[in-house]
């Protein structure tokens, strides 16, 4: 028996009603997983999280903290990409504290495609590191391995990528047609 099916059986025996309109609550599936929603949707848009750690009503206020934009207290929040610190005045204030974020670290290596931006070190939502151009969306150049400001000896491309292959650090040309290794 899966975790979700156990929740369904547990819910079936209780049959909760919507606190806003009185209709029955039914199971629904969304991008964040299963949740309870009002059966009178779209007239009533009430939803209830099945997992309390994802319930926005449970955001914990941080004592003696203040939002720099609206002066309301900051709170520990749960979002799509994990836990973060944000303003308790959302949706009026969209402040998010990203002191610990390692996003947008500039590598000081010029983009080899557009020659206007630099390659930035970023993380995707799964925690993998990649290196896109800072001139995005004008330039969509990105690589998945750390770039090195060294020209390829074979094709002359202005950067090489540092890869760990067969127990050694190797510089590889990012051009598919070239594939030169040093």
N, C-alpha and C. Protein backbone atom coordinates (compact mmCIF):
# COMPACT_ATOMS: atom_id res chain seq x y z
N UNK A 1 0.86 -1.18 0.00
CA UNK A 1 0.00 0.00 0.00
C UNK A 1 0.90 1.24 0.00
N UNK A 2 0.69 2.14 -0.91
CA UNK A 2 1.50 3.34 -0.99
C UNK A 2 1.05 4.37 0.04
N UNK A 3 1.91 5.35 0.25
CA UNK A 3 1.63 6.41 1.21
C UNK A 3 0.36 7.18 0.83
N UNK A 4 0.22 7.49 -0.47
CA UNK A 4 -0.94 8.26 -0.94
C UNK A 4 -2.24 7.46 -0.81
N UNK A 5 -2.18 6.14 -1.10
CA UNK A 5 -3.40 5.35 -0.99
C UNK A 5 -3.83 5.22 0.47
N UNK A 6 -2.87 5.19 1.39
CA UNK A 6 -3.22 5.17 2.82
C UNK A 6 -3.90 6.47 3.21
N UNK A 7 -3.44 7.58 2.65
CA UNK A 7 -4.08 8.88 2.92
C UNK A 7 -5.50 8.91 2.36
N UNK A 8 -5.69 8.33 1.18
CA UNK A 8 -7.03 8.30 0.58
C UNK A 8 -8.00 7.52 1.46
N UNK A 9 -7.56 6.32 1.95
CA UNK A 9 -8.44 5.50 2.79
C UNK A 9 -8.74 6.21 4.10
N UNK A 10 -7.72 6.86 4.68
CA UNK A 10 -7.91 7.57 5.93
C UNK A 10 -8.90 8.72 5.73
N UNK A 11 -8.80 9.42 4.60
CA UNK A 11 -9.68 10.55 4.32
C UNK A 11 -11.11 10.08 4.05
N UNK A 12 -11.25 8.95 3.33
CA UNK A 12 -12.58 8.45 2.99
C UNK A 12 -13.44 8.21 4.23
N UNK A 13 -12.80 7.74 5.30
CA UNK A 13 -13.57 7.44 6.50
C UNK A 13 -14.02 8.72 7.22
N UNK A 14 -13.33 9.84 7.00
CA UNK A 14 -13.65 11.08 7.71
C UNK A 14 -14.59 11.99 6.93
N UNK A 15 -14.41 12.14 5.63
CA UNK A 15 -15.18 13.02 4.75
C UNK A 15 -15.31 14.43 5.31
N UNK A 16 -14.29 15.22 5.07
CA UNK A 16 -14.30 16.61 5.51
C UNK A 16 -15.12 17.46 4.56
N UNK A 17 -15.59 18.60 5.06
CA UNK A 17 -16.31 19.53 4.19
C UNK A 17 -15.53 20.83 4.11
N UNK A 18 -15.76 21.58 3.05
CA UNK A 18 -15.06 22.84 2.79
C UNK A 18 -15.47 23.87 3.85
N UNK A 19 -14.50 24.52 4.51
CA UNK A 19 -14.83 25.53 5.51
C UNK A 19 -15.38 26.82 4.90
N UNK A 20 -15.20 27.03 3.60
CA UNK A 20 -15.67 28.25 2.96
C UNK A 20 -17.11 28.13 2.43
N UNK A 21 -17.43 26.96 1.82
CA UNK A 21 -18.77 26.84 1.21
C UNK A 21 -19.57 25.65 1.71
N UNK A 22 -18.96 24.72 2.45
CA UNK A 22 -19.68 23.58 3.00
C UNK A 22 -19.74 22.35 2.11
N UNK A 23 -19.26 22.42 0.86
CA UNK A 23 -19.26 21.26 -0.05
C UNK A 23 -18.20 20.25 0.42
N UNK A 24 -18.22 19.04 -0.17
CA UNK A 24 -17.24 18.02 0.18
C UNK A 24 -15.86 18.38 -0.38
N UNK A 25 -14.80 17.97 0.36
CA UNK A 25 -13.44 18.10 -0.14
C UNK A 25 -13.10 16.81 -0.88
N UNK A 26 -12.43 16.93 -2.03
CA UNK A 26 -12.05 15.77 -2.85
C UNK A 26 -10.56 15.82 -3.11
N UNK A 27 -9.97 14.66 -3.39
CA UNK A 27 -8.55 14.59 -3.70
C UNK A 27 -8.30 15.11 -5.10
N UNK A 28 -7.26 15.89 -5.23
CA UNK A 28 -6.82 16.41 -6.52
C UNK A 28 -5.32 16.21 -6.62
N UNK A 29 -4.80 16.23 -7.83
CA UNK A 29 -3.36 16.13 -8.05
C UNK A 29 -2.87 17.39 -8.73
N UNK A 30 -1.75 17.91 -8.25
CA UNK A 30 -1.14 19.09 -8.85
C UNK A 30 0.34 18.86 -9.04
N UNK A 31 1.07 19.91 -9.47
CA UNK A 31 2.50 19.76 -9.73
C UNK A 31 3.30 19.49 -8.47
N UNK A 32 2.77 19.85 -7.29
CA UNK A 32 3.44 19.59 -6.02
C UNK A 32 2.94 18.31 -5.36
N UNK A 33 2.08 17.56 -6.04
CA UNK A 33 1.58 16.31 -5.49
C UNK A 33 0.10 16.41 -5.14
N UNK A 34 -0.42 15.38 -4.44
CA UNK A 34 -1.84 15.36 -4.12
C UNK A 34 -2.21 16.40 -3.06
N UNK A 35 -3.45 16.88 -3.11
CA UNK A 35 -3.97 17.84 -2.14
C UNK A 35 -5.48 17.70 -2.08
N UNK A 36 -6.10 18.32 -1.10
CA UNK A 36 -7.56 18.33 -0.99
C UNK A 36 -8.07 19.63 -1.59
N UNK A 37 -9.13 19.53 -2.38
CA UNK A 37 -9.73 20.72 -2.99
C UNK A 37 -11.24 20.63 -2.91
N UNK A 38 -11.87 21.76 -2.97
CA UNK A 38 -13.33 21.83 -2.88
C UNK A 38 -13.96 21.23 -4.13
N UNK A 39 -15.04 20.46 -3.93
CA UNK A 39 -15.72 19.84 -5.07
C UNK A 39 -16.52 20.86 -5.88
N UNK A 40 -16.71 22.07 -5.33
CA UNK A 40 -17.45 23.12 -6.04
C UNK A 40 -16.52 23.98 -6.90
N UNK A 41 -15.27 23.54 -7.09
CA UNK A 41 -14.34 24.30 -7.95
C UNK A 41 -14.95 24.44 -9.33
N UNK A 42 -14.92 25.56 -10.01
CA UNK A 42 -14.19 26.80 -9.81
C UNK A 42 -14.94 27.87 -9.02
N UNK A 43 -16.17 27.60 -8.58
CA UNK A 43 -16.87 28.61 -7.77
C UNK A 43 -16.14 28.84 -6.45
N UNK A 44 -15.66 27.77 -5.83
CA UNK A 44 -14.91 27.87 -4.57
C UNK A 44 -13.51 27.32 -4.83
N UNK A 45 -12.48 28.09 -4.53
CA UNK A 45 -11.11 27.70 -4.83
C UNK A 45 -10.34 27.25 -3.60
N UNK A 46 -11.01 26.77 -2.56
CA UNK A 46 -10.35 26.34 -1.33
C UNK A 46 -9.51 25.09 -1.58
N UNK A 47 -8.27 25.08 -1.05
CA UNK A 47 -7.40 23.91 -1.10
C UNK A 47 -6.77 23.72 0.26
N UNK A 48 -6.37 22.48 0.54
CA UNK A 48 -5.72 22.15 1.79
C UNK A 48 -4.60 21.17 1.49
N UNK A 49 -3.40 21.47 1.99
CA UNK A 49 -2.25 20.60 1.75
C UNK A 49 -2.39 19.31 2.55
N UNK A 50 -1.95 18.19 1.97
CA UNK A 50 -1.96 16.93 2.69
C UNK A 50 -0.76 16.79 3.60
N UNK A 51 0.33 17.42 3.21
CA UNK A 51 1.56 17.36 3.99
C UNK A 51 1.75 18.70 4.67
N UNK A 52 1.67 18.76 6.01
CA UNK A 52 1.70 20.04 6.70
C UNK A 52 2.98 20.84 6.49
N UNK A 53 4.10 20.19 6.15
CA UNK A 53 5.33 20.97 5.95
C UNK A 53 5.25 21.83 4.69
N UNK A 54 4.31 21.56 3.80
CA UNK A 54 4.14 22.37 2.60
C UNK A 54 2.97 23.34 2.73
N UNK A 55 2.38 23.43 3.90
CA UNK A 55 1.23 24.30 4.12
C UNK A 55 1.71 25.73 4.34
N UNK A 56 1.33 26.69 3.48
CA UNK A 56 1.82 28.06 3.64
C UNK A 56 1.35 28.71 4.94
N UNK A 57 0.30 28.16 5.57
CA UNK A 57 -0.16 28.72 6.83
C UNK A 57 0.81 28.42 7.97
N UNK A 58 1.73 27.47 7.75
CA UNK A 58 2.66 27.09 8.80
C UNK A 58 4.00 27.80 8.69
N UNK A 59 4.11 28.84 7.88
CA UNK A 59 5.36 29.59 7.77
C UNK A 59 5.71 30.17 9.14
N UNK A 60 6.97 29.99 9.54
CA UNK A 60 7.39 30.43 10.86
C UNK A 60 8.02 31.81 10.77
N UNK A 61 7.52 32.75 11.56
CA UNK A 61 8.08 34.09 11.60
C UNK A 61 9.42 34.06 12.31
N UNK A 62 10.36 34.86 11.83
CA UNK A 62 11.68 34.97 12.45
C UNK A 62 11.64 36.14 13.41
N UNK A 63 11.87 35.91 14.71
CA UNK A 63 11.80 37.01 15.67
C UNK A 63 12.89 38.06 15.41
N UNK A 64 12.57 39.31 15.66
CA UNK A 64 13.48 40.46 15.52
C UNK A 64 14.04 40.59 14.10
N UNK A 65 13.25 40.23 13.10
CA UNK A 65 13.67 40.41 11.72
C UNK A 65 12.71 41.37 11.04
N UNK A 66 13.23 42.03 9.99
CA UNK A 66 12.41 43.02 9.30
C UNK A 66 12.72 43.00 7.82
N UNK A 67 11.69 43.04 7.01
CA UNK A 67 11.85 43.08 5.57
C UNK A 67 12.42 44.44 5.18
N UNK A 68 13.49 44.50 4.39
CA UNK A 68 14.07 45.79 3.99
C UNK A 68 13.17 46.59 3.05
N UNK A 69 12.18 45.95 2.43
CA UNK A 69 11.32 46.66 1.49
C UNK A 69 10.04 47.19 2.13
N UNK A 70 9.42 46.41 3.05
CA UNK A 70 8.12 46.84 3.59
C UNK A 70 8.07 46.85 5.12
N UNK A 71 9.14 46.49 5.80
CA UNK A 71 9.27 46.50 7.27
C UNK A 71 8.41 45.46 7.98
N UNK A 72 7.80 44.51 7.28
CA UNK A 72 7.07 43.43 7.94
C UNK A 72 8.09 42.36 8.35
N UNK A 73 7.74 41.48 9.29
CA UNK A 73 8.70 40.45 9.72
C UNK A 73 8.98 39.43 8.61
N UNK A 74 10.19 38.88 8.64
CA UNK A 74 10.57 37.83 7.69
C UNK A 74 10.11 36.48 8.23
N UNK A 75 9.92 35.50 7.33
CA UNK A 75 9.45 34.17 7.73
C UNK A 75 10.21 33.09 6.98
N UNK A 76 10.34 31.93 7.61
CA UNK A 76 10.90 30.75 6.95
C UNK A 76 9.75 30.14 6.16
N UNK A 77 9.95 30.01 4.85
CA UNK A 77 8.88 29.54 3.97
C UNK A 77 9.30 28.29 3.23
N UNK A 78 8.31 27.56 2.75
CA UNK A 78 8.54 26.34 1.98
C UNK A 78 8.05 26.59 0.56
N UNK A 79 8.93 26.37 -0.42
CA UNK A 79 8.55 26.61 -1.81
C UNK A 79 8.92 25.45 -2.70
N UNK A 80 8.77 25.66 -3.98
CA UNK A 80 9.04 24.64 -4.99
C UNK A 80 10.49 24.17 -4.95
N UNK A 81 11.42 25.07 -4.64
CA UNK A 81 12.83 24.74 -4.63
C UNK A 81 13.37 24.50 -3.23
N UNK A 82 12.50 24.32 -2.24
CA UNK A 82 12.94 24.04 -0.88
C UNK A 82 12.62 25.18 0.07
N UNK A 83 13.33 25.20 1.18
CA UNK A 83 13.11 26.20 2.22
C UNK A 83 13.85 27.48 1.88
N UNK A 84 13.22 28.63 2.14
CA UNK A 84 13.85 29.92 1.91
C UNK A 84 13.31 30.92 2.91
N UNK A 85 13.94 32.09 2.98
CA UNK A 85 13.49 33.18 3.86
C UNK A 85 12.88 34.26 2.98
N UNK A 86 11.64 34.64 3.31
CA UNK A 86 10.93 35.65 2.53
C UNK A 86 10.07 36.52 3.41
N UNK A 87 9.50 37.54 2.82
CA UNK A 87 8.66 38.49 3.54
C UNK A 87 7.33 37.85 3.90
N UNK A 88 6.84 38.12 5.11
CA UNK A 88 5.55 37.58 5.54
C UNK A 88 4.40 38.36 4.90
N UNK A 89 4.71 39.47 4.23
CA UNK A 89 3.69 40.28 3.58
C UNK A 89 3.40 39.87 2.15
N UNK A 90 3.82 38.66 1.73
CA UNK A 90 3.52 38.18 0.39
C UNK A 90 2.01 38.04 0.24
N UNK A 91 1.36 38.40 -0.83
CA UNK A 91 1.82 38.77 -2.16
C UNK A 91 2.05 40.26 -2.37
N UNK A 92 1.84 41.09 -1.33
CA UNK A 92 2.08 42.53 -1.49
C UNK A 92 3.57 42.83 -1.64
N UNK A 93 4.41 42.06 -0.97
CA UNK A 93 5.86 42.26 -1.02
C UNK A 93 6.51 40.96 -1.49
N UNK A 94 7.42 41.03 -2.46
CA UNK A 94 8.04 39.83 -3.04
C UNK A 94 9.49 39.66 -2.61
N UNK A 95 9.89 40.22 -1.45
CA UNK A 95 11.28 40.13 -1.02
C UNK A 95 11.64 38.70 -0.64
N UNK A 96 12.79 38.23 -1.15
CA UNK A 96 13.37 36.93 -0.79
C UNK A 96 14.82 37.16 -0.44
N UNK A 97 15.25 36.64 0.70
CA UNK A 97 16.63 36.79 1.14
C UNK A 97 17.46 35.68 0.54
N UNK A 98 18.43 36.01 -0.30
CA UNK A 98 19.30 35.00 -0.88
C UNK A 98 20.76 35.30 -0.58
N UNK A 99 21.08 35.49 0.70
CA UNK A 99 22.48 35.67 1.09
C UNK A 99 23.29 34.40 0.87
N UNK A 100 22.68 33.25 1.17
CA UNK A 100 23.39 31.98 1.07
C UNK A 100 23.42 31.43 -0.34
N UNK A 101 22.67 32.05 -1.26
CA UNK A 101 22.60 31.55 -2.62
C UNK A 101 23.94 31.73 -3.33
N UNK A 102 24.35 30.71 -4.06
CA UNK A 102 25.60 30.80 -4.81
C UNK A 102 25.33 31.05 -6.28
N UNK A 103 24.09 31.46 -6.58
CA UNK A 103 23.74 31.74 -7.96
C UNK A 103 24.45 33.00 -8.45
N UNK A 104 24.54 33.12 -9.75
CA UNK A 104 25.06 34.30 -10.42
C UNK A 104 26.50 34.63 -10.05
N UNK A 105 27.32 33.62 -9.76
CA UNK A 105 28.72 33.86 -9.52
C UNK A 105 29.39 34.03 -10.88
N UNK A 106 29.97 35.20 -11.11
CA UNK A 106 30.58 35.51 -12.40
C UNK A 106 31.94 34.82 -12.50
N UNK A 107 32.17 34.09 -13.58
CA UNK A 107 33.44 33.40 -13.79
C UNK A 107 34.48 34.31 -14.47
N UNK A 108 34.06 35.50 -14.89
CA UNK A 108 34.92 36.47 -15.59
C UNK A 108 35.44 35.92 -16.92
N UNK A 109 34.75 34.92 -17.47
CA UNK A 109 35.11 34.37 -18.78
C UNK A 109 34.09 34.88 -19.78
N UNK A 110 34.58 35.54 -20.84
CA UNK A 110 33.68 36.11 -21.84
C UNK A 110 32.94 35.02 -22.60
N UNK A 111 31.67 35.29 -22.90
CA UNK A 111 30.86 34.33 -23.65
C UNK A 111 31.45 34.18 -25.05
N UNK A 112 31.77 32.94 -25.47
CA UNK A 112 32.37 32.73 -26.79
C UNK A 112 31.40 32.89 -27.95
N UNK A 113 30.11 32.90 -27.67
CA UNK A 113 29.11 33.01 -28.74
C UNK A 113 28.80 34.47 -29.07
N UNK A 114 28.45 35.29 -28.03
CA UNK A 114 28.01 36.66 -28.30
C UNK A 114 29.09 37.70 -28.00
N UNK A 115 30.11 37.37 -27.24
CA UNK A 115 31.20 38.27 -26.86
C UNK A 115 30.72 39.52 -26.13
N UNK A 116 29.49 39.51 -25.59
CA UNK A 116 28.98 40.66 -24.84
C UNK A 116 28.83 40.34 -23.35
N UNK A 117 28.44 39.12 -23.03
CA UNK A 117 28.22 38.73 -21.64
C UNK A 117 29.36 37.89 -21.11
N UNK A 118 29.24 37.49 -19.85
CA UNK A 118 30.18 36.59 -19.22
C UNK A 118 29.45 35.31 -18.84
N UNK A 119 30.20 34.23 -18.63
CA UNK A 119 29.61 32.98 -18.19
C UNK A 119 29.43 33.03 -16.68
N UNK A 120 28.23 32.72 -16.21
CA UNK A 120 27.90 32.74 -14.79
C UNK A 120 27.80 31.32 -14.27
N UNK A 121 28.13 31.13 -12.99
CA UNK A 121 27.95 29.83 -12.36
C UNK A 121 26.60 29.84 -11.67
N UNK A 122 25.68 28.96 -12.10
CA UNK A 122 24.33 28.89 -11.54
C UNK A 122 23.99 27.46 -11.18
N UNK A 123 22.91 27.32 -10.41
CA UNK A 123 22.40 26.00 -10.08
C UNK A 123 20.97 25.89 -10.55
N UNK A 124 20.63 24.72 -11.12
CA UNK A 124 19.24 24.50 -11.50
C UNK A 124 18.46 24.05 -10.28
N UNK A 125 17.17 23.78 -10.43
CA UNK A 125 16.35 23.45 -9.27
C UNK A 125 16.69 22.10 -8.66
N UNK A 126 17.46 21.28 -9.35
CA UNK A 126 17.86 19.98 -8.82
C UNK A 126 19.25 20.04 -8.19
N UNK A 127 19.88 21.21 -8.19
CA UNK A 127 21.18 21.38 -7.55
C UNK A 127 22.37 21.19 -8.48
N UNK A 128 22.14 20.89 -9.76
CA UNK A 128 23.25 20.73 -10.70
C UNK A 128 23.77 22.09 -11.14
N UNK A 129 25.08 22.19 -11.28
CA UNK A 129 25.72 23.43 -11.68
C UNK A 129 25.80 23.51 -13.20
N UNK A 130 25.55 24.72 -13.74
CA UNK A 130 25.72 24.96 -15.16
C UNK A 130 26.23 26.39 -15.34
N UNK A 131 26.67 26.72 -16.54
CA UNK A 131 27.33 28.00 -16.81
C UNK A 131 26.69 28.68 -18.03
N UNK A 132 25.64 29.51 -17.82
CA UNK A 132 24.99 30.20 -18.93
C UNK A 132 25.60 31.59 -19.15
N UNK A 133 25.27 32.19 -20.27
CA UNK A 133 25.72 33.55 -20.59
C UNK A 133 24.89 34.56 -19.79
N UNK A 134 25.53 35.63 -19.32
CA UNK A 134 24.82 36.66 -18.54
C UNK A 134 23.92 37.52 -19.42
N UNK A 135 24.05 37.42 -20.75
CA UNK A 135 23.23 38.21 -21.66
C UNK A 135 21.94 37.48 -22.05
N UNK A 136 21.58 36.42 -21.30
CA UNK A 136 20.33 35.71 -21.57
C UNK A 136 19.18 36.68 -21.38
N UNK A 137 18.15 36.75 -22.21
CA UNK A 137 17.73 35.84 -23.27
C UNK A 137 18.27 36.19 -24.65
N UNK A 138 19.05 37.26 -24.78
CA UNK A 138 19.61 37.58 -26.11
C UNK A 138 20.55 36.47 -26.57
N UNK A 139 21.33 35.94 -25.64
CA UNK A 139 22.26 34.86 -25.96
C UNK A 139 21.90 33.66 -25.10
N UNK A 140 21.72 32.50 -25.73
CA UNK A 140 21.32 31.32 -24.98
C UNK A 140 22.45 30.30 -24.82
N UNK A 141 23.70 30.74 -24.89
CA UNK A 141 24.83 29.83 -24.76
C UNK A 141 24.96 29.37 -23.31
N UNK A 142 25.16 28.07 -23.11
CA UNK A 142 25.36 27.50 -21.78
C UNK A 142 26.15 26.21 -21.90
N UNK A 143 26.97 25.93 -20.90
CA UNK A 143 27.72 24.68 -20.83
C UNK A 143 27.50 24.05 -19.45
N UNK A 144 27.70 22.74 -19.35
CA UNK A 144 27.44 22.03 -18.11
C UNK A 144 28.69 21.75 -17.29
N UNK A 145 29.87 22.07 -17.80
CA UNK A 145 31.11 21.83 -17.07
C UNK A 145 31.84 23.17 -16.90
N UNK A 146 32.72 23.28 -15.90
CA UNK A 146 33.42 24.55 -15.66
C UNK A 146 34.25 24.99 -16.87
N UNK A 147 34.03 26.23 -17.34
CA UNK A 147 34.79 26.73 -18.48
C UNK A 147 36.18 27.22 -18.05
N UNK A 148 37.13 27.11 -18.97
CA UNK A 148 38.50 27.58 -18.75
C UNK A 148 38.83 28.52 -19.90
N UNK A 149 39.40 29.69 -19.59
CA UNK A 149 39.73 30.68 -20.62
C UNK A 149 41.01 30.27 -21.35
N UNK A 150 40.88 29.27 -22.18
CA UNK A 150 42.00 28.76 -22.97
C UNK A 150 41.45 28.36 -24.33
N UNK A 151 42.09 28.81 -25.40
CA UNK A 151 41.62 28.49 -26.75
C UNK A 151 41.91 27.05 -27.12
N UNK A 152 41.02 26.47 -27.90
CA UNK A 152 41.21 25.12 -28.39
C UNK A 152 42.31 25.14 -29.46
N UNK A 153 43.27 24.23 -29.34
CA UNK A 153 44.38 24.18 -30.30
C UNK A 153 43.92 23.71 -31.68
N UNK A 154 42.88 22.89 -31.72
CA UNK A 154 42.42 22.32 -32.99
C UNK A 154 41.51 23.25 -33.77
N UNK A 155 40.50 23.86 -33.10
CA UNK A 155 39.52 24.66 -33.85
C UNK A 155 39.56 26.16 -33.51
N UNK A 156 40.26 26.54 -32.46
CA UNK A 156 40.38 27.95 -32.10
C UNK A 156 39.23 28.50 -31.27
N UNK A 157 38.29 27.65 -30.78
CA UNK A 157 37.19 28.11 -29.93
C UNK A 157 37.77 28.72 -28.65
N UNK A 158 37.28 29.89 -28.22
CA UNK A 158 37.93 30.63 -27.14
C UNK A 158 37.90 30.02 -25.74
N UNK A 159 37.10 28.98 -25.50
CA UNK A 159 37.11 28.36 -24.18
C UNK A 159 37.24 26.85 -24.30
N UNK A 160 37.67 26.24 -23.19
CA UNK A 160 37.70 24.79 -23.06
C UNK A 160 36.90 24.45 -21.80
N UNK A 161 36.47 23.20 -21.67
CA UNK A 161 35.73 22.76 -20.50
C UNK A 161 36.58 21.80 -19.68
N UNK A 162 36.52 21.94 -18.36
CA UNK A 162 37.29 21.08 -17.47
C UNK A 162 36.41 19.90 -17.07
N UNK A 163 36.85 18.70 -17.45
CA UNK A 163 36.11 17.48 -17.14
C UNK A 163 37.01 16.51 -16.40
N UNK A 164 36.41 15.64 -15.62
CA UNK A 164 37.14 14.60 -14.92
C UNK A 164 36.85 13.29 -15.63
N UNK A 165 37.81 12.80 -16.43
CA UNK A 165 37.62 11.59 -17.22
C UNK A 165 38.70 10.56 -16.87
N UNK A 166 38.28 9.34 -16.58
CA UNK A 166 39.19 8.22 -16.31
C UNK A 166 40.25 8.57 -15.27
N UNK A 167 39.82 9.24 -14.20
CA UNK A 167 40.73 9.52 -13.09
C UNK A 167 41.63 10.72 -13.28
N UNK A 168 41.44 11.48 -14.37
CA UNK A 168 42.29 12.65 -14.61
C UNK A 168 41.43 13.85 -14.99
N UNK A 169 41.91 15.04 -14.65
CA UNK A 169 41.28 16.28 -15.13
C UNK A 169 41.73 16.51 -16.57
N UNK A 170 40.76 16.71 -17.45
CA UNK A 170 41.04 16.86 -18.87
C UNK A 170 40.33 18.12 -19.37
N UNK A 171 40.97 18.87 -20.26
CA UNK A 171 40.32 20.00 -20.92
C UNK A 171 39.76 19.51 -22.24
N UNK A 172 38.46 19.77 -22.46
CA UNK A 172 37.77 19.28 -23.65
C UNK A 172 37.14 20.46 -24.37
N UNK A 173 37.22 20.48 -25.69
CA UNK A 173 36.59 21.52 -26.49
C UNK A 173 35.07 21.31 -26.46
N UNK A 174 34.28 22.38 -26.20
CA UNK A 174 32.82 22.22 -26.14
C UNK A 174 32.15 22.08 -27.51
N UNK A 175 32.88 22.32 -28.58
CA UNK A 175 32.32 22.19 -29.92
C UNK A 175 32.16 20.71 -30.27
N UNK A 176 30.95 20.29 -30.65
CA UNK A 176 30.68 18.88 -30.95
C UNK A 176 31.50 18.38 -32.15
N UNK A 177 31.70 19.25 -33.13
CA UNK A 177 32.43 18.84 -34.33
C UNK A 177 33.93 18.63 -34.03
N UNK A 178 34.46 19.36 -33.04
CA UNK A 178 35.88 19.29 -32.73
C UNK A 178 36.18 18.15 -31.75
N UNK A 179 35.74 18.27 -30.50
CA UNK A 179 35.96 17.24 -29.50
C UNK A 179 37.40 17.05 -29.08
N UNK A 180 38.26 18.06 -29.31
CA UNK A 180 39.69 17.98 -28.96
C UNK A 180 39.87 17.88 -27.45
N UNK A 181 40.79 17.02 -26.99
CA UNK A 181 41.09 16.86 -25.55
C UNK A 181 42.54 17.18 -25.30
N UNK A 182 42.80 17.82 -24.14
CA UNK A 182 44.18 18.13 -23.74
C UNK A 182 44.43 17.45 -22.40
